[in-house]
Amino acid sequence: MRLFLTSLLLILLQVASAQDLNGIWRGTLTQEAGGCFPVYNLEIQIGQQGNTLMGNSFDYYDRNRFVKHHFNGRYNSQTKRMVLIEDKIMEVNIPSDCVACSKTYDLTWSSSGNKESLTGEWKGYESESRKACPPGRITLYRVSTTDFPIDIDQPEELARLQQSLKLQERTTEVVSTLELETPNIKIDLYDNAEIDNDTVTIFLNNKLLLLKQRLTNKPLTLELKAFPDTDYELVMYADNLGSIPPNTALMVVTAGRNKYEVRLSASDKKNAAVRFRLK
């Protein structure tokens, strides 16, 4: 019995000590001789699921000269160390005599008072020639605001479809605004009341996430990793009015232990929207 209680206590302590890394981290990235600039600004936007990390990074001289990457990584809660690997270039806007460098970060989390930091080293390779880039060091601090817009993850197929998608212009009514306390958000959409073949298209911050999906008693599910002080707007576009107009949906938002129910109604003249914000 004592062994069981000791093991349970250790598990609870590990869970309690799990570090929340979700959010925006900004600071500087240095580079040894041979780089385009000796010091860059660096912002990383981290989404965390357990010990798995993903998000976007921006190394930049100013907001007009930057390279944006997507990254994946892992965090060791025992050593407070993370490794992030930039696996895809998303956008490049740098001088013609500079070269984009895809990087691997080796960082350690620490805190002093109310200030959290990530510090460590990086190495990388030139995106085109695959030659090694001059390495350097990184110092980042958690911040509440971003220098660059927060992306909504969108499957590549839906991104391609959205480019050619033509929808009727309609007004949008904001039905509800929710203030949430956790970044991990699940959104379930059901047909409201009688199932009557309602079909909807869903956008989140103008990114297409569901296209012409039928509402039933089984949920259409979306998952969102929210960032602090960032506004999110989900818009429901009615592809039809079903057999009983208008097009209606029950939206159930799960954020941590809290659940919210919102009823949406859209027509051939009006979209329905819900706004979210992480406290």
Protein backbone atom coordinates (compact mmCIF):
# COMPACT_ATOMS: atom_id res chain seq x y z
CA MET A 1 0.00 0.00 0.00
CA ARG A 2 2.84 2.37 0.89
CA LEU A 3 4.52 1.65 -2.47
CA PHE A 4 1.27 2.40 -4.30
CA LEU A 5 0.80 5.70 -2.46
CA THR A 6 4.40 6.72 -3.12
CA SER A 7 4.04 5.95 -6.85
CA LEU A 8 0.76 7.87 -6.99
CA LEU A 9 2.37 10.87 -5.26
CA LEU A 10 5.25 10.87 -7.74
CA ILE A 11 2.81 10.82 -10.67
CA LEU A 12 0.80 13.68 -9.18
CA LEU A 13 3.97 15.70 -8.60
CA GLN A 14 5.06 15.17 -12.20
CA VAL A 15 1.67 16.30 -13.49
CA ALA A 16 1.63 19.32 -11.21
CA SER A 17 5.13 20.33 -12.30
CA ALA A 18 4.37 20.07 -16.03
CA GLN A 19 5.38 23.37 -17.56
CA ASP A 20 2.89 25.32 -19.65
CA LEU A 21 4.87 26.62 -22.64
CA ASN A 22 1.90 27.74 -24.74
CA GLY A 23 2.23 31.30 -25.93
CA ILE A 24 4.56 33.83 -27.47
CA TRP A 25 8.29 34.04 -26.77
CA ARG A 26 10.46 36.84 -28.12
CA GLY A 27 14.07 37.96 -27.87
CA THR A 28 17.30 37.75 -29.85
CA LEU A 29 19.20 35.29 -32.00
CA THR A 30 22.91 35.86 -32.55
CA GLN A 31 24.96 34.48 -35.42
CA GLU A 32 28.68 34.00 -35.78
CA ALA A 33 30.62 35.74 -38.57
CA GLY A 34 29.31 34.94 -42.03
CA GLY A 35 25.62 35.58 -41.42
CA CYS A 36 23.53 38.37 -42.92
CA PHE A 37 23.22 40.22 -39.57
CA PRO A 38 25.11 39.62 -36.31
CA VAL A 39 21.90 39.88 -34.23
CA TYR A 40 18.31 39.14 -35.22
CA ASN A 41 15.01 39.47 -33.46
CA LEU A 42 13.34 36.10 -32.91
CA GLU A 43 9.72 35.31 -32.06
CA ILE A 44 8.37 31.81 -31.61
CA GLN A 45 4.68 31.00 -31.16
CA ILE A 46 4.45 27.72 -29.25
CA GLY A 47 1.49 25.37 -29.12
CA GLN A 48 1.91 22.53 -26.63
CA GLN A 49 0.20 19.16 -26.33
CA GLY A 50 1.81 17.27 -23.46
CA ASN A 51 5.52 17.19 -24.28
CA THR A 52 4.95 17.77 -28.00
CA LEU A 53 5.54 21.30 -29.29
CA MET A 54 4.66 22.92 -32.61
CA GLY A 55 4.14 26.39 -34.01
CA ASN A 56 5.72 29.13 -36.06
CA SER A 57 9.00 31.00 -35.73
CA PHE A 58 9.99 34.39 -37.12
CA ASP A 59 13.62 35.49 -37.31
CA TYR A 60 13.62 39.09 -38.42
CA TYR A 61 15.55 42.33 -38.65
CA ASP A 62 12.30 44.29 -38.62
CA ARG A 63 8.66 43.48 -39.45
CA ASN A 64 9.32 43.97 -43.16
CA ARG A 65 12.42 41.75 -43.33
CA PHE A 66 11.81 38.27 -41.92
CA VAL A 67 11.76 34.52 -42.48
CA LYS A 68 8.82 32.51 -41.20
CA HIS A 69 9.15 28.77 -40.45
CA HIS A 70 6.88 26.08 -39.08
CA PHE A 71 8.51 23.95 -36.37
CA ASN A 72 7.97 20.75 -34.40
CA GLY A 73 9.69 19.75 -31.19
CA ARG A 74 9.75 17.97 -27.85
CA TYR A 75 10.06 19.16 -24.24
CA ASN A 76 11.62 17.22 -21.37
CA SER A 77 9.84 18.31 -18.20
CA GLN A 78 12.54 16.79 -16.00
CA THR A 79 15.49 18.65 -17.52
CA LYS A 80 13.43 21.71 -18.66
CA ARG A 81 15.06 21.31 -22.07
CA MET A 82 13.41 21.47 -25.48
CA VAL A 83 14.56 20.81 -29.03
CA LEU A 84 12.69 22.59 -31.82
CA ILE A 85 13.25 21.75 -35.49
CA GLU A 86 12.14 24.10 -38.26
CA ASP A 87 10.66 21.72 -40.82
CA LYS A 88 9.01 24.03 -43.36
CA ILE A 89 9.63 27.53 -44.72
CA MET A 90 6.33 29.42 -44.77
CA GLU A 91 7.39 32.87 -46.00
CA VAL A 92 10.62 34.68 -46.94
CA ASN A 93 11.06 38.43 -47.19
CA ILE A 94 14.76 39.25 -46.86
CA PRO A 95 17.42 41.15 -48.86
CA SER A 96 18.58 39.39 -52.03
CA ASP A 97 22.10 38.94 -50.65
CA CYS A 98 20.80 37.08 -47.57
CA VAL A 99 19.93 33.37 -47.38
CA ALA A 100 17.13 31.72 -45.38
CA CYS A 101 18.48 29.33 -42.76
CA SER A 102 16.39 26.43 -41.37
CA LYS A 103 17.36 25.93 -37.75
CA THR A 104 17.37 23.50 -34.86
CA TYR A 105 16.99 25.10 -31.42
CA ASP A 106 18.34 23.54 -28.21
CA LEU A 107 16.75 25.59 -25.42
CA THR A 108 16.29 25.40 -21.67
CA TRP A 109 13.37 26.91 -19.74
CA SER A 110 13.97 28.89 -16.55
CA SER A 111 12.22 31.51 -14.47
CA SER A 112 13.26 34.33 -12.17
CA GLY A 113 10.48 36.05 -10.29
CA ASN A 114 7.67 36.59 -12.79
CA LYS A 115 9.96 36.44 -15.83
CA GLU A 116 10.21 33.19 -17.85
CA SER A 117 13.01 32.64 -20.34
CA LEU A 118 14.26 30.18 -22.96
CA THR A 119 18.00 30.20 -23.58
CA GLY A 120 20.40 28.05 -25.55
CA GLU A 121 22.07 27.48 -28.89
CA TRP A 122 21.05 26.93 -32.48
CA LYS A 123 22.52 25.43 -35.63
CA GLY A 124 21.12 25.11 -39.12
CA TYR A 125 21.57 24.87 -42.85
CA GLU A 126 20.91 27.07 -45.86
CA SER A 127 17.52 26.17 -47.31
CA GLU A 128 18.73 25.97 -50.92
CA SER A 129 22.39 24.91 -50.85
CA ARG A 130 22.06 22.82 -47.65
CA LYS A 131 25.38 24.27 -46.47
CA ALA A 132 25.80 24.76 -42.73
CA CYS A 133 24.85 28.21 -41.44
CA PRO A 134 27.08 29.99 -38.91
CA PRO A 135 25.53 28.98 -35.55
CA GLY A 136 24.74 31.19 -32.58
CA ARG A 137 22.84 31.69 -29.33
CA ILE A 138 19.24 32.44 -28.42
CA THR A 139 17.64 34.34 -25.54
CA LEU A 140 13.84 34.55 -25.40
CA TYR A 141 11.29 35.79 -22.86
CA ARG A 142 7.58 35.07 -22.58
CA VAL A 143 5.55 38.06 -23.80
CA SER A 144 1.84 38.79 -24.06
CA THR A 145 1.76 40.37 -27.51
CA THR A 146 3.02 39.33 -30.93
CA ASP A 147 4.89 41.17 -33.66
CA PHE A 148 3.30 38.89 -36.26
CA PRO A 149 -0.24 37.52 -36.81
CA ILE A 150 -1.17 34.22 -35.18
CA ASP A 151 -1.85 31.54 -37.78
CA ILE A 152 -4.73 29.11 -37.81
CA ASP A 153 -3.56 25.64 -38.81
CA GLN A 154 -5.27 24.77 -42.09
CA PRO A 155 -4.91 21.53 -44.07
CA GLU A 156 -3.17 22.14 -47.40
CA GLU A 157 -6.11 20.69 -49.35
CA LEU A 158 -8.54 23.17 -47.77
CA ALA A 159 -6.08 26.02 -48.38
CA ARG A 160 -6.06 25.14 -52.09
CA LEU A 161 -9.85 24.85 -52.18
CA GLN A 162 -10.27 28.22 -50.48
CA GLN A 163 -8.31 29.96 -53.24
CA SER A 164 -11.01 29.08 -55.78
CA LEU A 165 -14.01 29.07 -53.43
CA LYS A 166 -16.79 31.46 -54.40
CA LEU A 167 -19.43 32.22 -51.78
CA GLN A 168 -22.29 34.70 -51.72
CA GLU A 169 -21.62 37.94 -49.88
CA ARG A 170 -23.64 38.04 -46.65
CA THR A 171 -23.76 40.01 -43.45
CA THR A 172 -22.37 38.34 -40.32
CA GLU A 173 -24.07 38.42 -36.93
CA VAL A 174 -21.92 37.80 -33.84
CA VAL A 175 -24.09 35.62 -31.63
CA SER A 176 -21.79 35.31 -28.62
CA THR A 177 -18.34 36.28 -27.30
CA LEU A 178 -16.63 33.77 -25.00
CA GLU A 179 -13.71 34.47 -22.65
CA LEU A 180 -11.83 31.24 -22.02
CA GLU A 181 -9.28 30.28 -19.39
CA THR A 182 -7.41 27.50 -21.19
CA PRO A 183 -5.67 27.45 -24.59
CA ASN A 184 -6.91 23.95 -25.46
CA ILE A 185 -10.35 24.37 -27.03
CA LYS A 186 -12.63 21.80 -28.63
CA ILE A 187 -15.60 22.89 -30.77
CA ASP A 188 -18.41 20.43 -31.57
CA LEU A 189 -21.16 21.33 -34.03
CA TYR A 190 -24.50 19.48 -34.14
CA ASP A 191 -27.77 20.04 -35.95
CA ASN A 192 -30.02 21.94 -33.57
CA ALA A 193 -33.30 20.18 -32.74
CA GLU A 194 -34.58 18.17 -35.73
CA ILE A 195 -32.05 16.81 -38.21
CA ASP A 196 -33.14 18.30 -41.53
CA ASN A 197 -30.11 18.03 -43.82
CA ASP A 198 -28.54 21.38 -42.89
CA THR A 199 -25.12 21.75 -44.55
CA VAL A 200 -22.51 24.30 -43.46
CA THR A 201 -19.10 25.72 -44.31
CA ILE A 202 -16.97 26.87 -41.36
CA PHE A 203 -14.23 29.51 -41.22
CA LEU A 204 -11.97 30.40 -38.31
CA ASN A 205 -10.25 33.77 -38.65
CA ASN A 206 -11.05 33.64 -42.38
CA LYS A 207 -9.41 30.21 -42.79
CA LEU A 208 -11.59 27.50 -44.29
CA LEU A 209 -11.75 24.52 -41.89
CA LEU A 210 -14.94 22.69 -42.90
CA LEU A 211 -16.47 22.69 -46.39
CA LYS A 212 -20.10 21.74 -47.07
CA GLN A 213 -20.45 19.41 -44.10
CA ARG A 214 -23.84 18.03 -43.06
CA LEU A 215 -24.98 18.66 -39.48
CA THR A 216 -26.30 15.59 -37.65
CA ASN A 217 -26.54 14.29 -34.09
CA LYS A 218 -22.86 13.31 -34.37
CA PRO A 219 -20.47 16.25 -33.95
CA LEU A 220 -18.32 18.00 -36.50
CA THR A 221 -15.26 18.59 -34.35
CA LEU A 222 -12.56 21.28 -34.50
CA GLU A 223 -9.68 21.69 -32.06
CA LEU A 224 -7.98 25.02 -31.43
CA LYS A 225 -4.80 26.00 -29.60
CA ALA A 226 -5.49 29.59 -28.57
CA PHE A 227 -2.89 32.26 -27.82
CA PRO A 228 -3.32 34.99 -25.18
CA ASP A 229 -4.66 38.40 -26.20
CA THR A 230 -5.62 37.09 -29.64
CA ASP A 231 -9.12 37.33 -31.08
CA TYR A 232 -10.67 34.30 -32.78
CA GLU A 233 -13.88 34.37 -34.80
CA LEU A 234 -15.69 31.27 -36.03
CA VAL A 235 -18.15 31.94 -38.86
CA MET A 236 -20.85 29.51 -39.99
CA TYR A 237 -21.96 29.89 -43.64
CA ALA A 238 -25.18 28.13 -44.62
CA ASP A 239 -24.73 26.09 -47.81
CA ASN A 240 -28.44 25.32 -47.74
CA LEU A 241 -31.44 25.91 -45.48
CA GLY A 242 -32.30 22.27 -44.93
CA SER A 243 -35.90 21.13 -45.08
CA ILE A 244 -36.85 23.43 -42.18
CA PRO A 245 -35.35 26.94 -42.64
CA PRO A 246 -33.20 28.55 -41.38
CA ASN A 247 -29.97 26.57 -41.04
CA THR A 248 -29.44 26.02 -37.30
CA ALA A 249 -26.64 24.47 -35.28
CA LEU A 250 -25.81 23.75 -31.66
CA MET A 251 -22.19 24.57 -30.91
CA VAL A 252 -20.62 23.06 -27.79
CA VAL A 253 -17.29 24.62 -26.76
CA THR A 254 -15.15 22.67 -24.31
CA ALA A 255 -12.31 24.59 -22.65
CA GLY A 256 -10.73 22.70 -19.79
CA ARG A 257 -13.46 21.85 -17.30
CA ASN A 258 -15.87 24.43 -18.71
CA LYS A 259 -18.47 23.84 -21.40
CA TYR A 260 -20.45 26.46 -23.29
CA GLU A 261 -23.48 25.94 -25.53
CA VAL A 262 -24.25 28.43 -28.30
CA ARG A 263 -27.10 28.17 -30.80
CA LEU A 264 -26.34 29.45 -34.28
CA SER A 265 -28.76 30.41 -37.01
CA ALA A 266 -27.71 31.23 -40.59
CA SER A 267 -29.63 31.92 -43.76
CA ASP A 268 -29.08 32.85 -47.39
CA LYS A 269 -28.69 36.46 -46.23
CA LYS A 270 -26.76 36.15 -42.96
CA ASN A 271 -23.84 34.23 -41.44
CA ALA A 272 -23.62 33.37 -37.74
CA ALA A 273 -20.40 33.97 -35.77
CA VAL A 274 -18.93 33.31 -32.33
CA ARG A 275 -15.86 35.08 -30.97
CA PHE A 276 -13.31 33.60 -28.56
CA ARG A 277 -10.57 35.16 -26.50
CA LEU A 278 -8.14 33.57 -24.06
CA LYS A 279 -8.02 35.51 -20.79
